[in-house]
Amino acid sequence: KKRILVSQKRANRNKSIRSGVKTAIKK
């Protein structure tokens, strides 16, 4: 159960950072 929570948290963080990179490139 903990692994599921941790992996979701990491996936959300990674998604956020990837989105920020894409936004910076578009600018």
mmCIF file of all heavy atoms, coordinates in Angstrom:
data_MODEL
# 
_entry.id   MODEL 
# 
loop_
_atom_site.group_PDB 
_atom_site.id 
_atom_site.type_symbol 
_atom_site.label_atom_id 
_atom_site.label_alt_id 
_atom_site.label_comp_id 
_atom_site.label_asym_id 
_atom_site.label_entity_id 
_atom_site.label_seq_id 
_atom_site.pdbx_PDB_ins_code 
_atom_site.Cartn_x 
_atom_site.Cartn_y 
_atom_site.Cartn_z 
_atom_site.occupancy 
_atom_site.B_iso_or_equiv 
_atom_site.pdbx_formal_charge 
_atom_site.auth_seq_id 
_atom_site.auth_comp_id 
_atom_site.auth_asym_id 
_atom_site.auth_atom_id 
_atom_site.pdbx_PDB_model_num 
ATOM 1   N N   . LYS A 1 1  ? 0.842  -1.206 0.000   1.00 0.00 ? 1  LYS A N   1 
ATOM 2   C CA  . LYS A 1 1  ? 0.000  0.000  0.000   1.00 0.00 ? 1  LYS A CA  1 
ATOM 3   C C   . LYS A 1 1  ? 0.873  1.250  0.000   1.00 0.00 ? 1  LYS A C   1 
ATOM 4   O O   . LYS A 1 1  ? 0.601  2.215  -0.714  1.00 0.00 ? 1  LYS A O   1 
ATOM 5   C CB  . LYS A 1 1  ? -0.918 0.008  1.225   1.00 0.00 ? 1  LYS A CB  1 
ATOM 6   C CG  . LYS A 1 1  ? -2.016 -1.019 1.185   1.00 0.00 ? 1  LYS A CG  1 
ATOM 7   C CD  . LYS A 1 1  ? -2.854 -0.956 2.443   1.00 0.00 ? 1  LYS A CD  1 
ATOM 8   C CE  . LYS A 1 1  ? -3.920 -2.040 2.432   1.00 0.00 ? 1  LYS A CE  1 
ATOM 9   N NZ  . LYS A 1 1  ? -4.703 -2.051 3.677   1.00 0.00 ? 1  LYS A NZ  1 
ATOM 10  N N   . LYS A 1 2  ? 1.943  1.210  0.803   1.00 0.00 ? 2  LYS A N   1 
ATOM 11  C CA  . LYS A 1 2  ? 2.848  2.348  0.862   1.00 0.00 ? 2  LYS A CA  1 
ATOM 12  C C   . LYS A 1 2  ? 3.535  2.557  -0.484  1.00 0.00 ? 2  LYS A C   1 
ATOM 13  O O   . LYS A 1 2  ? 3.700  3.688  -0.943  1.00 0.00 ? 2  LYS A O   1 
ATOM 14  C CB  . LYS A 1 2  ? 3.895  2.141  1.953   1.00 0.00 ? 2  LYS A CB  1 
ATOM 15  C CG  . LYS A 1 2  ? 4.841  3.325  2.073   1.00 0.00 ? 2  LYS A CG  1 
ATOM 16  C CD  . LYS A 1 2  ? 5.843  3.163  3.173   1.00 0.00 ? 2  LYS A CD  1 
ATOM 17  C CE  . LYS A 1 2  ? 6.775  4.363  3.176   1.00 0.00 ? 2  LYS A CE  1 
ATOM 18  N NZ  . LYS A 1 2  ? 7.794  4.263  4.223   1.00 0.00 ? 2  LYS A NZ  1 
ATOM 19  N N   . ARG A 1 3  ? 3.980  1.471  -1.128  1.00 0.00 ? 3  ARG A N   1 
ATOM 20  C CA  . ARG A 1 3  ? 4.636  1.585  -2.426  1.00 0.00 ? 3  ARG A CA  1 
ATOM 21  C C   . ARG A 1 3  ? 3.711  2.254  -3.436  1.00 0.00 ? 3  ARG A C   1 
ATOM 22  O O   . ARG A 1 3  ? 4.154  3.071  -4.252  1.00 0.00 ? 3  ARG A O   1 
ATOM 23  C CB  . ARG A 1 3  ? 5.059  0.208  -2.959  1.00 0.00 ? 3  ARG A CB  1 
ATOM 24  C CG  . ARG A 1 3  ? 6.146  -0.503 -2.210  1.00 0.00 ? 3  ARG A CG  1 
ATOM 25  C CD  . ARG A 1 3  ? 7.428  0.265  -1.986  1.00 0.00 ? 3  ARG A CD  1 
ATOM 26  N NE  . ARG A 1 3  ? 7.864  1.048  -3.119  1.00 0.00 ? 3  ARG A NE  1 
ATOM 27  C CZ  . ARG A 1 3  ? 8.658  2.103  -3.044  1.00 0.00 ? 3  ARG A CZ  1 
ATOM 28  N NH1 . ARG A 1 3  ? 9.105  2.531  -1.887  1.00 0.00 ? 3  ARG A NH1 1 
ATOM 29  N NH2 . ARG A 1 3  ? 9.003  2.762  -4.117  1.00 0.00 ? 3  ARG A NH2 1 
ATOM 30  N N   . ILE A 1 4  ? 2.427  1.896  -3.401  1.00 0.00 ? 4  ILE A N   1 
ATOM 31  C CA  . ILE A 1 4  ? 1.458  2.506  -4.326  1.00 0.00 ? 4  ILE A CA  1 
ATOM 32  C C   . ILE A 1 4  ? 1.389  4.012  -4.089  1.00 0.00 ? 4  ILE A C   1 
ATOM 33  O O   . ILE A 1 4  ? 1.431  4.812  -5.039  1.00 0.00 ? 4  ILE A O   1 
ATOM 34  C CB  . ILE A 1 4  ? 0.073  1.848  -4.170  1.00 0.00 ? 4  ILE A CB  1 
ATOM 35  C CG1 . ILE A 1 4  ? 0.108  0.414  -4.700  1.00 0.00 ? 4  ILE A CG1 1 
ATOM 36  C CG2 . ILE A 1 4  ? -1.005 2.658  -4.883  1.00 0.00 ? 4  ILE A CG2 1 
ATOM 37  C CD1 . ILE A 1 4  ? -1.119 -0.400 -4.366  1.00 0.00 ? 4  ILE A CD1 1 
ATOM 38  N N   . LEU A 1 5  ? 1.301  4.407  -2.823  1.00 0.00 ? 5  LEU A N   1 
ATOM 39  C CA  . LEU A 1 5  ? 1.217  5.836  -2.498  1.00 0.00 ? 5  LEU A CA  1 
ATOM 40  C C   . LEU A 1 5  ? 2.484  6.574  -2.918  1.00 0.00 ? 5  LEU A C   1 
ATOM 41  O O   . LEU A 1 5  ? 2.419  7.666  -3.492  1.00 0.00 ? 5  LEU A O   1 
ATOM 42  C CB  . LEU A 1 5  ? 0.990  6.025  -0.994  1.00 0.00 ? 5  LEU A CB  1 
ATOM 43  C CG  . LEU A 1 5  ? -0.356 5.566  -0.453  1.00 0.00 ? 5  LEU A CG  1 
ATOM 44  C CD1 . LEU A 1 5  ? -0.383 5.710  1.065   1.00 0.00 ? 5  LEU A CD1 1 
ATOM 45  C CD2 . LEU A 1 5  ? -1.487 6.352  -1.084  1.00 0.00 ? 5  LEU A CD2 1 
ATOM 46  N N   . VAL A 1 6  ? 3.632  5.986  -2.641  1.00 0.00 ? 6  VAL A N   1 
ATOM 47  C CA  . VAL A 1 6  ? 4.902  6.634  -2.969  1.00 0.00 ? 6  VAL A CA  1 
ATOM 48  C C   . VAL A 1 6  ? 5.065  6.761  -4.481  1.00 0.00 ? 6  VAL A C   1 
ATOM 49  O O   . VAL A 1 6  ? 5.489  7.808  -4.987  1.00 0.00 ? 6  VAL A O   1 
ATOM 50  C CB  . VAL A 1 6  ? 6.079  5.859  -2.343  1.00 0.00 ? 6  VAL A CB  1 
ATOM 51  C CG1 . VAL A 1 6  ? 7.411  6.357  -2.868  1.00 0.00 ? 6  VAL A CG1 1 
ATOM 52  C CG2 . VAL A 1 6  ? 6.027  5.965  -0.835  1.00 0.00 ? 6  VAL A CG2 1 
ATOM 53  N N   . SER A 1 7  ? 4.712  5.704  -5.211  1.00 0.00 ? 7  SER A N   1 
ATOM 54  C CA  . SER A 1 7  ? 4.874  5.760  -6.668  1.00 0.00 ? 7  SER A CA  1 
ATOM 55  C C   . SER A 1 7  ? 3.910  6.774  -7.283  1.00 0.00 ? 7  SER A C   1 
ATOM 56  O O   . SER A 1 7  ? 4.261  7.443  -8.258  1.00 0.00 ? 7  SER A O   1 
ATOM 57  C CB  . SER A 1 7  ? 4.693  4.376  -7.295  1.00 0.00 ? 7  SER A CB  1 
ATOM 58  O OG  . SER A 1 7  ? 3.387  3.916  -7.094  1.00 0.00 ? 7  SER A OG  1 
ATOM 59  N N   . GLN A 1 8  ? 2.710  6.911  -6.718  1.00 0.00 ? 8  GLN A N   1 
ATOM 60  C CA  . GLN A 1 8  ? 1.777  7.931  -7.215  1.00 0.00 ? 8  GLN A CA  1 
ATOM 61  C C   . GLN A 1 8  ? 2.329  9.325  -6.967  1.00 0.00 ? 8  GLN A C   1 
ATOM 62  O O   . GLN A 1 8  ? 2.259  10.197 -7.844  1.00 0.00 ? 8  GLN A O   1 
ATOM 63  C CB  . GLN A 1 8  ? 0.414  7.802  -6.523  1.00 0.00 ? 8  GLN A CB  1 
ATOM 64  C CG  . GLN A 1 8  ? -0.438 6.678  -7.036  1.00 0.00 ? 8  GLN A CG  1 
ATOM 65  C CD  . GLN A 1 8  ? -1.732 6.553  -6.269  1.00 0.00 ? 8  GLN A CD  1 
ATOM 66  O OE1 . GLN A 1 8  ? -1.869 7.051  -5.145  1.00 0.00 ? 8  GLN A OE1 1 
ATOM 67  N NE2 . GLN A 1 8  ? -2.704 5.866  -6.853  1.00 0.00 ? 8  GLN A NE2 1 
ATOM 68  N N   . LYS A 1 9  ? 2.900  9.521  -5.783  1.00 0.00 ? 9  LYS A N   1 
ATOM 69  C CA  . LYS A 1 9  ? 3.464  10.833 -5.449  1.00 0.00 ? 9  LYS A CA  1 
ATOM 70  C C   . LYS A 1 9  ? 4.611  11.181 -6.402  1.00 0.00 ? 9  LYS A C   1 
ATOM 71  O O   . LYS A 1 9  ? 4.709  12.301 -6.909  1.00 0.00 ? 9  LYS A O   1 
ATOM 72  C CB  . LYS A 1 9  ? 3.968  10.820 -4.011  1.00 0.00 ? 9  LYS A CB  1 
ATOM 73  C CG  . LYS A 1 9  ? 4.431  12.178 -3.509  1.00 0.00 ? 9  LYS A CG  1 
ATOM 74  C CD  . LYS A 1 9  ? 5.070  12.089 -2.141  1.00 0.00 ? 9  LYS A CD  1 
ATOM 75  C CE  . LYS A 1 9  ? 4.072  11.779 -1.059  1.00 0.00 ? 9  LYS A CE  1 
ATOM 76  N NZ  . LYS A 1 9  ? 4.675  11.829 0.294   1.00 0.00 ? 9  LYS A NZ  1 
ATOM 77  N N   . ARG A 1 10 ? 5.479  10.197 -6.663  1.00 0.00 ? 10 ARG A N   1 
ATOM 78  C CA  . ARG A 1 10 ? 6.597  10.431 -7.570  1.00 0.00 ? 10 ARG A CA  1 
ATOM 79  C C   . ARG A 1 10 ? 6.125  10.669 -8.999  1.00 0.00 ? 10 ARG A C   1 
ATOM 80  O O   . ARG A 1 10 ? 6.662  11.530 -9.695  1.00 0.00 ? 10 ARG A O   1 
ATOM 81  C CB  . ARG A 1 10 ? 7.551  9.240  -7.559  1.00 0.00 ? 10 ARG A CB  1 
ATOM 82  C CG  . ARG A 1 10 ? 8.412  9.176  -6.328  1.00 0.00 ? 10 ARG A CG  1 
ATOM 83  C CD  . ARG A 1 10 ? 9.416  8.063  -6.441  1.00 0.00 ? 10 ARG A CD  1 
ATOM 84  N NE  . ARG A 1 10 ? 10.342 8.121  -5.324  1.00 0.00 ? 10 ARG A NE  1 
ATOM 85  C CZ  . ARG A 1 10 ? 11.397 7.337  -5.203  1.00 0.00 ? 10 ARG A CZ  1 
ATOM 86  N NH1 . ARG A 1 10 ? 11.647 6.431  -6.123  1.00 0.00 ? 10 ARG A NH1 1 
ATOM 87  N NH2 . ARG A 1 10 ? 12.193 7.447  -4.177  1.00 0.00 ? 10 ARG A NH2 1 
ATOM 88  N N   . ALA A 1 11 ? 5.126  9.908  -9.426  1.00 0.00 ? 11 ALA A N   1 
ATOM 89  C CA  . ALA A 1 11 ? 4.604  10.077 -10.784 1.00 0.00 ? 11 ALA A CA  1 
ATOM 90  C C   . ALA A 1 11 ? 4.019  11.478 -10.955 1.00 0.00 ? 11 ALA A C   1 
ATOM 91  O O   . ALA A 1 11 ? 4.209  12.122 -11.986 1.00 0.00 ? 11 ALA A O   1 
ATOM 92  C CB  . ALA A 1 11 ? 3.554  9.019  -11.088 1.00 0.00 ? 11 ALA A CB  1 
ATOM 93  N N   . ASN A 1 12 ? 3.312  11.956 -9.940  1.00 0.00 ? 12 ASN A N   1 
ATOM 94  C CA  . ASN A 1 12 ? 2.735  13.303 -10.003 1.00 0.00 ? 12 ASN A CA  1 
ATOM 95  C C   . ASN A 1 12 ? 3.824  14.365 -10.041 1.00 0.00 ? 12 ASN A C   1 
ATOM 96  O O   . ASN A 1 12 ? 3.727  15.342 -10.787 1.00 0.00 ? 12 ASN A O   1 
ATOM 97  C CB  . ASN A 1 12 ? 1.805  13.543 -8.815  1.00 0.00 ? 12 ASN A CB  1 
ATOM 98  C CG  . ASN A 1 12 ? 0.524  12.760 -8.928  1.00 0.00 ? 12 ASN A CG  1 
ATOM 99  O OD1 . ASN A 1 12 ? 0.118  12.350 -10.015 1.00 0.00 ? 12 ASN A OD1 1 
ATOM 100 N ND2 . ASN A 1 12 ? -0.126 12.500 -7.804  1.00 0.00 ? 12 ASN A ND2 1 
ATOM 101 N N   . ARG A 1 13 ? 4.888  14.166 -9.250  1.00 0.00 ? 13 ARG A N   1 
ATOM 102 C CA  . ARG A 1 13 ? 5.993  15.126 -9.256  1.00 0.00 ? 13 ARG A CA  1 
ATOM 103 C C   . ARG A 1 13 ? 6.680  15.131 -10.617 1.00 0.00 ? 13 ARG A C   1 
ATOM 104 O O   . ARG A 1 13 ? 6.947  16.192 -11.187 1.00 0.00 ? 13 ARG A O   1 
ATOM 105 C CB  . ARG A 1 13 ? 7.001  14.770 -8.174  1.00 0.00 ? 13 ARG A CB  1 
ATOM 106 C CG  . ARG A 1 13 ? 8.054  15.850 -7.956  1.00 0.00 ? 13 ARG A CG  1 
ATOM 107 C CD  . ARG A 1 13 ? 9.239  15.341 -7.212  1.00 0.00 ? 13 ARG A CD  1 
ATOM 108 N NE  . ARG A 1 13 ? 10.080 14.595 -8.143  1.00 0.00 ? 13 ARG A NE  1 
ATOM 109 C CZ  . ARG A 1 13 ? 11.066 13.791 -7.781  1.00 0.00 ? 13 ARG A CZ  1 
ATOM 110 N NH1 . ARG A 1 13 ? 11.313 13.581 -6.531  1.00 0.00 ? 13 ARG A NH1 1 
ATOM 111 N NH2 . ARG A 1 13 ? 11.793 13.175 -8.702  1.00 0.00 ? 13 ARG A NH2 1 
ATOM 112 N N   . ASN A 1 14 ? 6.924  13.945 -11.165 1.00 0.00 ? 14 ASN A N   1 
ATOM 113 C CA  . ASN A 1 14 ? 7.578  13.845 -12.463 1.00 0.00 ? 14 ASN A CA  1 
ATOM 114 C C   . ASN A 1 14 ? 6.726  14.481 -13.550 1.00 0.00 ? 14 ASN A C   1 
ATOM 115 O O   . ASN A 1 14 ? 7.241  15.173 -14.429 1.00 0.00 ? 14 ASN A O   1 
ATOM 116 C CB  . ASN A 1 14 ? 7.863  12.382 -12.812 1.00 0.00 ? 14 ASN A CB  1 
ATOM 117 C CG  . ASN A 1 14 ? 8.920  11.770 -11.929 1.00 0.00 ? 14 ASN A CG  1 
ATOM 118 O OD1 . ASN A 1 14 ? 9.604  12.467 -11.185 1.00 0.00 ? 14 ASN A OD1 1 
ATOM 119 N ND2 . ASN A 1 14 ? 9.036  10.466 -11.982 1.00 0.00 ? 14 ASN A ND2 1 
ATOM 120 N N   . LYS A 1 15 ? 5.415  14.251 -13.494 1.00 0.00 ? 15 LYS A N   1 
ATOM 121 C CA  . LYS A 1 15 ? 4.503  14.813 -14.487 1.00 0.00 ? 15 LYS A CA  1 
ATOM 122 C C   . LYS A 1 15 ? 4.527  16.332 -14.430 1.00 0.00 ? 15 LYS A C   1 
ATOM 123 O O   . LYS A 1 15 ? 4.543  17.016 -15.457 1.00 0.00 ? 15 LYS A O   1 
ATOM 124 C CB  . LYS A 1 15 ? 3.087  14.293 -14.237 1.00 0.00 ? 15 LYS A CB  1 
ATOM 125 C CG  . LYS A 1 15 ? 2.134  14.509 -15.386 1.00 0.00 ? 15 LYS A CG  1 
ATOM 126 C CD  . LYS A 1 15 ? 0.755  13.949 -15.062 1.00 0.00 ? 15 LYS A CD  1 
ATOM 127 C CE  . LYS A 1 15 ? 0.785  12.444 -14.917 1.00 0.00 ? 15 LYS A CE  1 
ATOM 128 N NZ  . LYS A 1 15 ? -0.554 11.873 -14.699 1.00 0.00 ? 15 LYS A NZ  1 
ATOM 129 N N   . SER A 1 16 ? 4.553  16.866 -13.228 1.00 0.00 ? 16 SER A N   1 
ATOM 130 C CA  . SER A 1 16 ? 4.585  18.315 -13.039 1.00 0.00 ? 16 SER A CA  1 
ATOM 131 C C   . SER A 1 16 ? 5.868  18.918 -13.617 1.00 0.00 ? 16 SER A C   1 
ATOM 132 O O   . SER A 1 16 ? 5.836  19.953 -14.298 1.00 0.00 ? 16 SER A O   1 
ATOM 133 C CB  . SER A 1 16 ? 4.480  18.627 -11.549 1.00 0.00 ? 16 SER A CB  1 
ATOM 134 O OG  . SER A 1 16 ? 4.710  19.981 -11.309 1.00 0.00 ? 16 SER A OG  1 
ATOM 135 N N   . ILE A 1 17 ? 6.983  18.268 -13.356 1.00 0.00 ? 17 ILE A N   1 
ATOM 136 C CA  . ILE A 1 17 ? 8.266  18.795 -13.846 1.00 0.00 ? 17 ILE A CA  1 
ATOM 137 C C   . ILE A 1 17 ? 8.343  18.685 -15.362 1.00 0.00 ? 17 ILE A C   1 
ATOM 138 O O   . ILE A 1 17 ? 8.805  19.607 -16.040 1.00 0.00 ? 17 ILE A O   1 
ATOM 139 C CB  . ILE A 1 17 ? 9.433  18.066 -13.156 1.00 0.00 ? 17 ILE A CB  1 
ATOM 140 C CG1 . ILE A 1 17 ? 9.440  18.427 -11.659 1.00 0.00 ? 17 ILE A CG1 1 
ATOM 141 C CG2 . ILE A 1 17 ? 10.761 18.429 -13.782 1.00 0.00 ? 17 ILE A CG2 1 
ATOM 142 C CD1 . ILE A 1 17 ? 10.419 17.660 -10.821 1.00 0.00 ? 17 ILE A CD1 1 
ATOM 143 N N   . ARG A 1 18 ? 7.882  17.560 -15.935 1.00 0.00 ? 18 ARG A N   1 
ATOM 144 C CA  . ARG A 1 18 ? 7.857  17.407 -17.389 1.00 0.00 ? 18 ARG A CA  1 
ATOM 145 C C   . ARG A 1 18 ? 6.991  18.498 -18.029 1.00 0.00 ? 18 ARG A C   1 
ATOM 146 O O   . ARG A 1 18 ? 7.343  19.067 -19.057 1.00 0.00 ? 18 ARG A O   1 
ATOM 147 C CB  . ARG A 1 18 ? 7.273  16.052 -17.791 1.00 0.00 ? 18 ARG A CB  1 
ATOM 148 C CG  . ARG A 1 18 ? 8.237  14.925 -17.735 1.00 0.00 ? 18 ARG A CG  1 
ATOM 149 C CD  . ARG A 1 18 ? 7.568  13.673 -18.278 1.00 0.00 ? 18 ARG A CD  1 
ATOM 150 N NE  . ARG A 1 18 ? 8.226  12.470 -17.823 1.00 0.00 ? 18 ARG A NE  1 
ATOM 151 C CZ  . ARG A 1 18 ? 9.258  11.912 -18.447 1.00 0.00 ? 18 ARG A CZ  1 
ATOM 152 N NH1 . ARG A 1 18 ? 9.737  12.442 -19.539 1.00 0.00 ? 18 ARG A NH1 1 
ATOM 153 N NH2 . ARG A 1 18 ? 9.808  10.819 -17.960 1.00 0.00 ? 18 ARG A NH2 1 
ATOM 154 N N   . SER A 1 19 ? 5.856  18.779 -17.410 1.00 0.00 ? 19 SER A N   1 
ATOM 155 C CA  . SER A 1 19 ? 4.959  19.815 -17.919 1.00 0.00 ? 19 SER A CA  1 
ATOM 156 C C   . SER A 1 19 ? 5.651  21.181 -17.897 1.00 0.00 ? 19 SER A C   1 
ATOM 157 O O   . SER A 1 19 ? 5.521  21.975 -18.838 1.00 0.00 ? 19 SER A O   1 
ATOM 158 C CB  . SER A 1 19 ? 3.686  19.844 -17.072 1.00 0.00 ? 19 SER A CB  1 
ATOM 159 O OG  . SER A 1 19 ? 2.846  20.878 -17.486 1.00 0.00 ? 19 SER A OG  1 
ATOM 160 N N   . GLY A 1 20 ? 6.394  21.449 -16.834 1.00 0.00 ? 20 GLY A N   1 
ATOM 161 C CA  . GLY A 1 20 ? 7.131  22.709 -16.734 1.00 0.00 ? 20 GLY A CA  1 
ATOM 162 C C   . GLY A 1 20 ? 8.181  22.848 -17.829 1.00 0.00 ? 20 GLY A C   1 
ATOM 163 O O   . GLY A 1 20 ? 8.376  23.932 -18.378 1.00 0.00 ? 20 GLY A O   1 
ATOM 164 N N   . VAL A 1 21 ? 8.843  21.739 -18.150 1.00 0.00 ? 21 VAL A N   1 
ATOM 165 C CA  . VAL A 1 21 ? 9.842  21.755 -19.219 1.00 0.00 ? 21 VAL A CA  1 
ATOM 166 C C   . VAL A 1 21 ? 9.171  22.057 -20.558 1.00 0.00 ? 21 VAL A C   1 
ATOM 167 O O   . VAL A 1 21 ? 9.655  22.881 -21.340 1.00 0.00 ? 21 VAL A O   1 
ATOM 168 C CB  . VAL A 1 21 ? 10.611 20.416 -19.283 1.00 0.00 ? 21 VAL A CB  1 
ATOM 169 C CG1 . VAL A 1 21 ? 11.442 20.323 -20.547 1.00 0.00 ? 21 VAL A CG1 1 
ATOM 170 C CG2 . VAL A 1 21 ? 11.495 20.254 -18.056 1.00 0.00 ? 21 VAL A CG2 1 
ATOM 171 N N   . LYS A 1 22 ? 8.043  21.391 -20.809 1.00 0.00 ? 22 LYS A N   1 
ATOM 172 C CA  . LYS A 1 22 ? 7.330  21.608 -22.070 1.00 0.00 ? 22 LYS A CA  1 
ATOM 173 C C   . LYS A 1 22 ? 6.872  23.061 -22.193 1.00 0.00 ? 22 LYS A C   1 
ATOM 174 O O   . LYS A 1 22 ? 6.963  23.672 -23.258 1.00 0.00 ? 22 LYS A O   1 
ATOM 175 C CB  . LYS A 1 22 ? 6.124  20.673 -22.166 1.00 0.00 ? 22 LYS A CB  1 
ATOM 176 C CG  . LYS A 1 22 ? 6.492  19.232 -22.394 1.00 0.00 ? 22 LYS A CG  1 
ATOM 177 C CD  . LYS A 1 22 ? 5.236  18.380 -22.442 1.00 0.00 ? 22 LYS A CD  1 
ATOM 178 C CE  . LYS A 1 22 ? 5.563  16.908 -22.507 1.00 0.00 ? 22 LYS A CE  1 
ATOM 179 N NZ  . LYS A 1 22 ? 4.356  16.075 -22.446 1.00 0.00 ? 22 LYS A NZ  1 
ATOM 180 N N   . THR A 1 23 ? 6.389  23.632 -21.090 1.00 0.00 ? 23 THR A N   1 
ATOM 181 C CA  . THR A 1 23 ? 5.947  25.023 -21.090 1.00 0.00 ? 23 THR A CA  1 
ATOM 182 C C   . THR A 1 23 ? 7.109  25.965 -21.388 1.00 0.00 ? 23 THR A C   1 
ATOM 183 O O   . THR A 1 23 ? 6.969  26.903 -22.182 1.00 0.00 ? 23 THR A O   1 
ATOM 184 C CB  . THR A 1 23 ? 5.323  25.376 -19.724 1.00 0.00 ? 23 THR A CB  1 
ATOM 185 O OG1 . THR A 1 23 ? 4.242  24.484 -19.473 1.00 0.00 ? 23 THR A OG1 1 
ATOM 186 C CG2 . THR A 1 23 ? 4.816  26.806 -19.701 1.00 0.00 ? 23 THR A CG2 1 
ATOM 187 N N   . ALA A 1 24 ? 8.258  25.698 -20.769 1.00 0.00 ? 24 ALA A N   1 
ATOM 188 C CA  . ALA A 1 24 ? 9.434  26.549 -20.988 1.00 0.00 ? 24 ALA A CA  1 
ATOM 189 C C   . ALA A 1 24 ? 9.877  26.489 -22.444 1.00 0.00 ? 24 ALA A C   1 
ATOM 190 O O   . ALA A 1 24 ? 10.229 27.515 -23.047 1.00 0.00 ? 24 ALA A O   1 
ATOM 191 C CB  . ALA A 1 24 ? 10.570 26.113 -20.064 1.00 0.00 ? 24 ALA A CB  1 
ATOM 192 N N   . ILE A 1 25 ? 9.830  25.287 -23.037 1.00 0.00 ? 25 ILE A N   1 
ATOM 193 C CA  . ILE A 1 25 ? 10.216 25.129 -24.443 1.00 0.00 ? 25 ILE A CA  1 
ATOM 194 C C   . ILE A 1 25 ? 9.244  25.884 -25.346 1.00 0.00 ? 25 ILE A C   1 
ATOM 195 O O   . ILE A 1 25 ? 9.655  26.559 -26.299 1.00 0.00 ? 25 ILE A O   1 
ATOM 196 C CB  . ILE A 1 25 ? 10.287 23.634 -24.814 1.00 0.00 ? 25 ILE A CB  1 
ATOM 197 C CG1 . ILE A 1 25 ? 11.482 22.984 -24.120 1.00 0.00 ? 25 ILE A CG1 1 
ATOM 198 C CG2 . ILE A 1 25 ? 10.367 23.437 -26.314 1.00 0.00 ? 25 ILE A CG2 1 
ATOM 199 C CD1 . ILE A 1 25 ? 11.544 21.481 -24.239 1.00 0.00 ? 25 ILE A CD1 1 
ATOM 200 N N   . LYS A 1 26 ? 7.951  25.797 -25.037 1.00 0.00 ? 26 LYS A N   1 
ATOM 201 C CA  . LYS A 1 26 ? 6.950  26.500 -25.845 1.00 0.00 ? 26 LYS A CA  1 
ATOM 202 C C   . LYS A 1 26 ? 7.134  28.008 -25.775 1.00 0.00 ? 26 LYS A C   1 
ATOM 203 O O   . LYS A 1 26 ? 6.927  28.719 -26.768 1.00 0.00 ? 26 LYS A O   1 
ATOM 204 C CB  . LYS A 1 26 ? 5.535  26.121 -25.386 1.00 0.00 ? 26 LYS A CB  1 
ATOM 205 C CG  . LYS A 1 26 ? 5.129  24.737 -25.831 1.00 0.00 ? 26 LYS A CG  1 
ATOM 206 C CD  . LYS A 1 26 ? 3.746  24.387 -25.312 1.00 0.00 ? 26 LYS A CD  1 
ATOM 207 C CE  . LYS A 1 26 ? 3.417  22.935 -25.609 1.00 0.00 ? 26 LYS A CE  1 
ATOM 208 N NZ  . LYS A 1 26 ? 2.167  22.508 -24.970 1.00 0.00 ? 26 LYS A NZ  1 
ATOM 209 N N   . LYS A 1 27 ? 7.549  28.522 -24.607 1.00 0.00 ? 27 LYS A N   1 
ATOM 210 C CA  . LYS A 1 27 ? 7.786  29.960 -24.472 1.00 0.00 ? 27 LYS A CA  1 
ATOM 211 C C   . LYS A 1 27 ? 8.938  30.405 -25.371 1.00 0.00 ? 27 LYS A C   1 
ATOM 212 O O   . LYS A 1 27 ? 8.861  31.447 -26.018 1.00 0.00 ? 27 LYS A O   1 
ATOM 213 C CB  . LYS A 1 27 ? 8.085  30.318 -23.017 1.00 0.00 ? 27 LYS A CB  1 
ATOM 214 C CG  . LYS A 1 27 ? 6.864  30.314 -22.123 1.00 0.00 ? 27 LYS A CG  1 
ATOM 215 C CD  . LYS A 1 27 ? 7.207  30.693 -20.698 1.00 0.00 ? 27 LYS A CD  1 
ATOM 216 C CE  . LYS A 1 27 ? 5.982  30.627 -19.805 1.00 0.00 ? 27 LYS A CE  1 
ATOM 217 N NZ  . LYS A 1 27 ? 6.319  30.892 -18.400 1.00 0.00 ? 27 LYS A NZ  1 
# 
